[in-house]
């Protein structure tokens, strides 16, 4: 059996990190008892998709009002 050691992304400890359930995205969550924080080894951020990032830059270039951005479709 292979045990993968996970470093805490906040305090970099490995010996205090335990599994702490599963996030809605399906990724494993972890709890560090040293700094008492929870985290995931991998996250999903939709803004990192290339199309959406380009669209948000286009909106900034056009300098639209906040109310006008609701009508845009991505």
PDB file of N, CA and C in Angstrom:
ATOM      1  N   UNK A   1       0.840  -1.184   0.000  1.00  0.00           N
ATOM      2  CA  UNK A   1       0.000   0.000   0.000  1.00  0.00           C
ATOM      3  C   UNK A   1       0.883   1.244   0.000  1.00  0.00           C
ATOM      4  N   UNK A   2       0.546   2.195  -0.838  1.00  0.00           N
ATOM      5  CA  UNK A   2       1.330   3.421  -0.983  1.00  0.00           C
ATOM      6  C   UNK A   2       0.667   4.542  -0.205  1.00  0.00           C
ATOM      7  N   UNK A   3       1.404   5.134   0.737  1.00  0.00           N
ATOM      8  CA  UNK A   3       0.896   6.278   1.502  1.00  0.00           C
ATOM      9  C   UNK A   3       1.565   7.545   1.006  1.00  0.00           C
ATOM     10  N   UNK A   4       0.787   8.400   0.397  1.00  0.00           N
ATOM     11  CA  UNK A   4       1.314   9.658  -0.126  1.00  0.00           C
ATOM     12  C   UNK A   4       1.257  10.713   0.976  1.00  0.00           C
ATOM     13  N   UNK A   5       2.367  11.337   1.247  1.00  0.00           N
ATOM     14  CA  UNK A   5       2.424  12.394   2.261  1.00  0.00           C
ATOM     15  C   UNK A   5       2.013  13.719   1.624  1.00  0.00           C
ATOM     16  N   UNK A   6       1.095  14.397   2.263  1.00  0.00           N
ATOM     17  CA  UNK A   6       0.607  15.688   1.788  1.00  0.00           C
ATOM     18  C   UNK A   6       1.164  16.780   2.692  1.00  0.00           C
ATOM     19  N   UNK A   7       1.772  17.783   2.094  1.00  0.00           N
ATOM     20  CA  UNK A   7       2.256  18.937   2.855  1.00  0.00           C
ATOM     21  C   UNK A   7       1.110  19.913   3.059  1.00  0.00           C
ATOM     22  N   UNK A   8       1.044  20.489   4.252  1.00  0.00           N
ATOM     23  CA  UNK A   8       0.071  21.548   4.510  1.00  0.00           C
ATOM     24  C   UNK A   8       0.459  22.757   3.677  1.00  0.00           C
ATOM     25  N   UNK A   9      -0.495  23.319   2.951  1.00  0.00           N
ATOM     26  CA  UNK A   9      -0.171  24.451   2.087  1.00  0.00           C
ATOM     27  C   UNK A   9       0.047  25.737   2.876  1.00  0.00           C
ATOM     28  N   UNK A  10      -0.259  25.720   4.170  1.00  0.00           N
ATOM     29  CA  UNK A  10      -0.079  26.913   4.987  1.00  0.00           C
ATOM     30  C   UNK A  10       1.185  26.861   5.847  1.00  0.00           C
ATOM     31  N   UNK A  11       1.431  25.722   6.513  1.00  0.00           N
ATOM     32  CA  UNK A  11       2.585  25.638   7.417  1.00  0.00           C
ATOM     33  C   UNK A  11       3.632  24.616   6.960  1.00  0.00           C
ATOM     34  N   UNK A  12       3.396  23.912   5.866  1.00  0.00           N
ATOM     35  CA  UNK A  12       4.310  22.949   5.246  1.00  0.00           C
ATOM     36  C   UNK A  12       4.629  21.734   6.126  1.00  0.00           C
ATOM     37  N   UNK A  13       3.818  21.458   7.125  1.00  0.00           N
ATOM     38  CA  UNK A  13       3.994  20.260   7.947  1.00  0.00           C
ATOM     39  C   UNK A  13       3.427  19.054   7.208  1.00  0.00           C
ATOM     40  N   UNK A  14       4.011  17.882   7.420  1.00  0.00           N
ATOM     41  CA  UNK A  14       3.478  16.667   6.800  1.00  0.00           C
ATOM     42  C   UNK A  14       2.928  15.700   7.831  1.00  0.00           C
ATOM     43  N   UNK A  15       3.492  15.688   9.018  1.00  0.00           N
ATOM     44  CA  UNK A  15       3.106  14.681  10.000  1.00  0.00           C
ATOM     45  C   UNK A  15       1.774  14.963  10.682  1.00  0.00           C
ATOM     46  N   UNK A  16       1.251  16.180  10.574  1.00  0.00           N
ATOM     47  CA  UNK A  16       0.001  16.544  11.231  1.00  0.00           C
ATOM     48  C   UNK A  16      -1.194  16.572  10.280  1.00  0.00           C
ATOM     49  N   UNK A  17      -0.999  16.229   9.029  1.00  0.00           N
ATOM     50  CA  UNK A  17      -2.061  16.311   8.023  1.00  0.00           C
ATOM     51  C   UNK A  17      -2.839  15.002   7.973  1.00  0.00           C
ATOM     52  N   UNK A  18      -4.165  15.108   8.080  1.00  0.00           N
ATOM     53  CA  UNK A  18      -5.060  13.947   8.033  1.00  0.00           C
ATOM     54  C   UNK A  18      -6.161  14.199   7.009  1.00  0.00           C
ATOM     55  N   UNK A  19      -6.755  13.144   6.516  1.00  0.00           N
ATOM     56  CA  UNK A  19      -7.892  13.290   5.604  1.00  0.00           C
ATOM     57  C   UNK A  19      -9.062  13.907   6.358  1.00  0.00           C
ATOM     58  N   UNK A  20      -9.849  14.727   5.634  1.00  0.00           N
ATOM     59  CA  UNK A  20     -10.933  15.468   6.286  1.00  0.00           C
ATOM     60  C   UNK A  20     -12.167  15.533   5.384  1.00  0.00           C
ATOM     61  N   UNK A  21     -12.529  14.414   4.795  1.00  0.00           N
ATOM     62  CA  UNK A  21     -13.718  14.369   3.959  1.00  0.00           C
ATOM     63  C   UNK A  21     -13.430  14.669   2.502  1.00  0.00           C
ATOM     64  N   UNK A  22     -14.517  14.863   1.760  1.00  0.00           N
ATOM     65  CA  UNK A  22     -14.423  15.114   0.322  1.00  0.00           C
ATOM     66  C   UNK A  22     -15.206  16.383   0.006  1.00  0.00           C
ATOM     67  N   UNK A  23     -14.646  17.240  -0.822  1.00  0.00           N
ATOM     68  CA  UNK A  23     -15.304  18.484  -1.225  1.00  0.00           C
ATOM     69  C   UNK A  23     -16.405  18.193  -2.242  1.00  0.00           C
ATOM     70  N   UNK A  24     -17.245  19.172  -2.519  1.00  0.00           N
ATOM     71  CA  UNK A  24     -18.309  19.006  -3.511  1.00  0.00           C
ATOM     72  C   UNK A  24     -17.759  18.679  -4.886  1.00  0.00           C
ATOM     73  N   UNK A  25     -16.574  19.171  -5.156  1.00  0.00           N
ATOM     74  CA  UNK A  25     -15.946  18.913  -6.453  1.00  0.00           C
ATOM     75  C   UNK A  25     -15.471  17.473  -6.577  1.00  0.00           C
ATOM     76  N   UNK A  26     -15.447  16.742  -5.467  1.00  0.00           N
ATOM     77  CA  UNK A  26     -15.007  15.356  -5.487  1.00  0.00           C
ATOM     78  C   UNK A  26     -13.566  15.171  -5.057  1.00  0.00           C
ATOM     79  N   UNK A  27     -12.853  16.262  -4.813  1.00  0.00           N
ATOM     80  CA  UNK A  27     -11.459  16.177  -4.389  1.00  0.00           C
ATOM     81  C   UNK A  27     -11.361  15.951  -2.883  1.00  0.00           C
ATOM     82  N   UNK A  28     -10.331  15.246  -2.480  1.00  0.00           N
ATOM     83  CA  UNK A  28     -10.080  14.961  -1.075  1.00  0.00           C
ATOM     84  C   UNK A  28      -9.733  16.245  -0.324  1.00  0.00           C
ATOM     85  N   UNK A  29     -10.338  16.415   0.868  1.00  0.00           N
ATOM     86  CA  UNK A  29      -9.995  17.541   1.738  1.00  0.00           C
ATOM     87  C   UNK A  29      -9.067  17.036   2.826  1.00  0.00           C
ATOM     88  N   UNK A  30      -8.237  17.916   3.352  1.00  0.00           N
ATOM     89  CA  UNK A  30      -7.278  17.569   4.394  1.00  0.00           C
ATOM     90  C   UNK A  30      -7.367  18.570   5.531  1.00  0.00           C
ATOM     91  N   UNK A  31      -6.984  18.107   6.740  1.00  0.00           N
ATOM     92  CA  UNK A  31      -6.957  18.952   7.928  1.00  0.00           C
ATOM     93  C   UNK A  31      -5.570  18.887   8.543  1.00  0.00           C
ATOM     94  N   UNK A  32      -4.992  20.038   8.825  1.00  0.00           N
ATOM     95  CA  UNK A  32      -3.687  20.105   9.483  1.00  0.00           C
ATOM     96  C   UNK A  32      -3.928  20.442  10.948  1.00  0.00           C
ATOM     97  N   UNK A  33      -3.583  19.523  11.840  1.00  0.00           N
ATOM     98  CA  UNK A  33      -3.786  19.774  13.265  1.00  0.00           C
ATOM     99  C   UNK A  33      -2.718  20.701  13.835  1.00  0.00           C
ATOM    100  N   UNK A  34      -1.674  20.977  13.089  1.00  0.00           N
ATOM    101  CA  UNK A  34      -0.639  21.907  13.535  1.00  0.00           C
ATOM    102  C   UNK A  34      -1.133  23.351  13.445  1.00  0.00           C
ATOM    103  N   UNK A  35      -1.657  23.738  12.290  1.00  0.00           N
ATOM    104  CA  UNK A  35      -2.156  25.114  12.120  1.00  0.00           C
ATOM    105  C   UNK A  35      -3.682  25.187  12.168  1.00  0.00           C
ATOM    106  N   UNK A  36      -4.339  24.022  12.298  1.00  0.00           N
ATOM    107  CA  UNK A  36      -5.804  23.929  12.425  1.00  0.00           C
ATOM    108  C   UNK A  36      -6.549  24.508  11.229  1.00  0.00           C
ATOM    109  N   UNK A  37      -6.055  24.197  10.035  1.00  0.00           N
ATOM    110  CA  UNK A  37      -6.701  24.666   8.811  1.00  0.00           C
ATOM    111  C   UNK A  37      -7.034  23.481   7.922  1.00  0.00           C
ATOM    112  N   UNK A  38      -8.052  23.664   7.083  1.00  0.00           N
ATOM    113  CA  UNK A  38      -8.410  22.648   6.100  1.00  0.00           C
ATOM    114  C   UNK A  38      -8.015  23.146   4.720  1.00  0.00           C
ATOM    115  N   UNK A  39      -7.748  22.200   3.832  1.00  0.00           N
ATOM    116  CA  UNK A  39      -7.347  22.560   2.474  1.00  0.00           C
ATOM    117  C   UNK A  39      -7.540  21.361   1.572  1.00  0.00           C
ATOM    118  N   UNK A  40      -7.433  21.583   0.285  1.00  0.00           N
ATOM    119  CA  UNK A  40      -7.473  20.536  -0.725  1.00  0.00           C
ATOM    120  C   UNK A  40      -6.133  20.516  -1.437  1.00  0.00           C
ATOM    121  N   UNK A  41      -5.756  19.350  -1.939  1.00  0.00           N
ATOM    122  CA  UNK A  41      -4.510  19.247  -2.690  1.00  0.00           C
ATOM    123  C   UNK A  41      -4.681  19.862  -4.073  1.00  0.00           C
ATOM    124  N   UNK A  42      -5.912  19.861  -4.597  1.00  0.00           N
ATOM    125  CA  UNK A  42      -6.181  20.396  -5.924  1.00  0.00           C
ATOM    126  C   UNK A  42      -7.497  21.160  -5.878  1.00  0.00           C
ATOM    127  N   UNK A  43      -7.551  22.286  -6.572  1.00  0.00           N
ATOM    128  CA  UNK A  43      -8.751  23.116  -6.607  1.00  0.00           C
ATOM    129  C   UNK A  43      -9.234  23.282  -8.039  1.00  0.00           C
ATOM    130  N   UNK A  44     -10.506  23.604  -8.168  1.00  0.00           N
ATOM    131  CA  UNK A  44     -11.085  23.895  -9.475  1.00  0.00           C
ATOM    132  C   UNK A  44     -11.522  25.353  -9.458  1.00  0.00           C
ATOM    133  N   UNK A  45     -10.945  26.141 -10.334  1.00  0.00           N
ATOM    134  CA  UNK A  45     -11.348  27.537 -10.492  1.00  0.00           C
ATOM    135  C   UNK A  45     -11.773  27.723 -11.939  1.00  0.00           C
ATOM    136  N   UNK A  46     -13.011  28.134 -12.158  1.00  0.00           N
ATOM    137  CA  UNK A  46     -13.510  28.268 -13.522  1.00  0.00           C
ATOM    138  C   UNK A  46     -12.932  29.486 -14.225  1.00  0.00           C
ATOM    139  N   UNK A  47     -12.466  30.479 -13.514  1.00  0.00           N
ATOM    140  CA  UNK A  47     -11.930  31.670 -14.164  1.00  0.00           C
ATOM    141  C   UNK A  47     -10.625  31.356 -14.886  1.00  0.00           C
ATOM    142  N   UNK A  48      -9.993  30.247 -14.548  1.00  0.00           N
ATOM    143  CA  UNK A  48      -8.735  29.893 -15.194  1.00  0.00           C
ATOM    144  C   UNK A  48      -8.921  29.310 -16.591  1.00  0.00           C
ATOM    145  N   UNK A  49     -10.155  29.061 -16.977  1.00  0.00           N
ATOM    146  CA  UNK A  49     -10.391  28.576 -18.327  1.00  0.00           C
ATOM    147  C   UNK A  49     -10.089  29.702 -19.310  1.00  0.00           C
ATOM    148  N   UNK A  50      -9.444  29.382 -20.398  1.00  0.00           N
ATOM    149  CA  UNK A  50      -8.943  30.394 -21.326  1.00  0.00           C
ATOM    150  C   UNK A  50     -10.064  31.254 -21.916  1.00  0.00           C
ATOM    151  N   UNK A  51     -11.179  30.644 -22.299  1.00  0.00           N
ATOM    152  CA  UNK A  51     -12.264  31.406 -22.924  1.00  0.00           C
ATOM    153  C   UNK A  51     -12.833  32.441 -21.961  1.00  0.00           C
ATOM    154  N   UNK A  52     -13.049  32.043 -20.703  1.00  0.00           N
ATOM    155  CA  UNK A  52     -13.640  32.955 -19.741  1.00  0.00           C
ATOM    156  C   UNK A  52     -12.675  34.074 -19.385  1.00  0.00           C
ATOM    157  N   UNK A  53     -11.403  33.781 -19.324  1.00  0.00           N
ATOM    158  CA  UNK A  53     -10.417  34.810 -19.026  1.00  0.00           C
ATOM    159  C   UNK A  53     -10.384  35.832 -20.147  1.00  0.00           C
ATOM    160  N   UNK A  54     -10.432  35.368 -21.388  1.00  0.00           N
ATOM    161  CA  UNK A  54     -10.441  36.290 -22.511  1.00  0.00           C
ATOM    162  C   UNK A  54     -11.704  37.141 -22.497  1.00  0.00           C
ATOM    163  N   UNK A  55     -12.841  36.547 -22.169  1.00  0.00           N
ATOM    164  CA  UNK A  55     -14.091  37.300 -22.126  1.00  0.00           C
ATOM    165  C   UNK A  55     -14.044  38.372 -21.050  1.00  0.00           C
ATOM    166  N   UNK A  56     -13.480  38.054 -19.892  1.00  0.00           N
ATOM    167  CA  UNK A  56     -13.410  39.049 -18.826  1.00  0.00           C
ATOM    168  C   UNK A  56     -12.473  40.189 -19.206  1.00  0.00           C
ATOM    169  N   UNK A  57     -11.416  39.887 -19.951  1.00  0.00           N
ATOM    170  CA  UNK A  57     -10.525  40.950 -20.419  1.00  0.00           C
ATOM    171  C   UNK A  57     -11.229  41.832 -21.448  1.00  0.00           C
ATOM    172  N   UNK A  58     -12.052  41.244 -22.289  1.00  0.00           N
ATOM    173  CA  UNK A  58     -12.797  42.024 -23.272  1.00  0.00           C
ATOM    174  C   UNK A  58     -13.770  42.973 -22.582  1.00  0.00           C
ATOM    175  N   UNK A  59     -14.416  42.514 -21.520  1.00  0.00           N
ATOM    176  CA  UNK A  59     -15.338  43.361 -20.765  1.00  0.00           C
ATOM    177  C   UNK A  59     -14.578  44.532 -20.160  1.00  0.00           C
ATOM    178  N   UNK A  60     -13.402  44.259 -19.621  1.00  0.00           N
ATOM    179  CA  UNK A  60     -12.602  45.342 -19.043  1.00  0.00           C
ATOM    180  C   UNK A  60     -12.177  46.346 -20.104  1.00  0.00           C
ATOM    181  N   UNK A  61     -11.857  45.869 -21.291  1.00  0.00           N
ATOM    182  CA  UNK A  61     -11.449  46.770 -22.365  1.00  0.00           C
ATOM    183  C   UNK A  61     -12.604  47.662 -22.800  1.00  0.00           C
ATOM    184  N   UNK A  62     -13.809  47.101 -22.801  1.00  0.00           N
ATOM    185  CA  UNK A  62     -14.970  47.861 -23.242  1.00  0.00           C
ATOM    186  C   UNK A  62     -15.448  48.835 -22.169  1.00  0.00           C
ATOM    187  N   UNK A  63     -15.005  48.672 -20.944  1.00  0.00           N
ATOM    188  CA  UNK A  63     -15.382  49.512 -19.811  1.00  0.00           C
ATOM    189  C   UNK A  63     -16.897  49.625 -19.681  1.00  0.00           C
ATOM    190  N   UNK A  64     -17.543  48.478 -19.628  1.00  0.00           N
ATOM    191  CA  UNK A  64     -18.990  48.450 -19.491  1.00  0.00           C
ATOM    192  C   UNK A  64     -19.400  48.707 -18.051  1.00  0.00           C
ATOM    193  N   UNK A  65     -20.624  49.184 -17.888  1.00  0.00           N
ATOM    194  CA  UNK A  65     -21.176  49.360 -16.556  1.00  0.00           C
ATOM    195  C   UNK A  65     -21.495  47.986 -15.975  1.00  0.00           C
ATOM    196  N   UNK A  66     -21.588  47.910 -14.658  1.00  0.00           N
ATOM    197  CA  UNK A  66     -21.885  46.654 -13.985  1.00  0.00           C
ATOM    198  C   UNK A  66     -23.210  46.069 -14.463  1.00  0.00           C
ATOM    199  N   UNK A  67     -24.233  46.906 -14.642  1.00  0.00           N
ATOM    200  CA  UNK A  67     -25.542  46.420 -15.075  1.00  0.00           C
ATOM    201  C   UNK A  67     -25.501  45.877 -16.501  1.00  0.00           C
ATOM    202  N   UNK A  68     -24.597  46.384 -17.329  1.00  0.00           N
ATOM    203  CA  UNK A  68     -24.480  45.911 -18.707  1.00  0.00           C
ATOM    204  C   UNK A  68     -23.811  44.545 -18.790  1.00  0.00           C
ATOM    205  N   UNK A  69     -22.984  44.212 -17.823  1.00  0.00           N
ATOM    206  CA  UNK A  69     -22.267  42.938 -17.873  1.00  0.00           C
ATOM    207  C   UNK A  69     -23.194  41.755 -17.651  1.00  0.00           C
ATOM    208  N   UNK A  70     -24.342  41.971 -17.018  1.00  0.00           N
ATOM    209  CA  UNK A  70     -25.288  40.885 -16.777  1.00  0.00           C
ATOM    210  C   UNK A  70     -25.891  40.378 -18.082  1.00  0.00           C
ATOM    211  N   UNK A  71     -25.956  41.214 -19.089  1.00  0.00           N
ATOM    212  CA  UNK A  71     -26.545  40.833 -20.369  1.00  0.00           C
ATOM    213  C   UNK A  71     -25.578  40.039 -21.242  1.00  0.00           C
ATOM    214  N   UNK A  72     -24.309  40.032 -20.900  1.00  0.00           N
ATOM    215  CA  UNK A  72     -23.322  39.303 -21.700  1.00  0.00           C
ATOM    216  C   UNK A  72     -23.445  37.804 -21.480  1.00  0.00           C
ATOM    217  N   UNK A  73     -23.221  37.041 -22.525  1.00  0.00           N
ATOM    218  CA  UNK A  73     -23.197  35.588 -22.397  1.00  0.00           C
ATOM    219  C   UNK A  73     -21.786  35.116 -22.660  1.00  0.00           C
ATOM    220  N   UNK A  74     -21.327  34.237 -21.812  1.00  0.00           N
ATOM    221  CA  UNK A  74     -19.965  33.709 -21.944  1.00  0.00           C
ATOM    222  C   UNK A  74     -20.024  32.353 -22.584  1.00  0.00           C
TER     223      UNK A  74
END
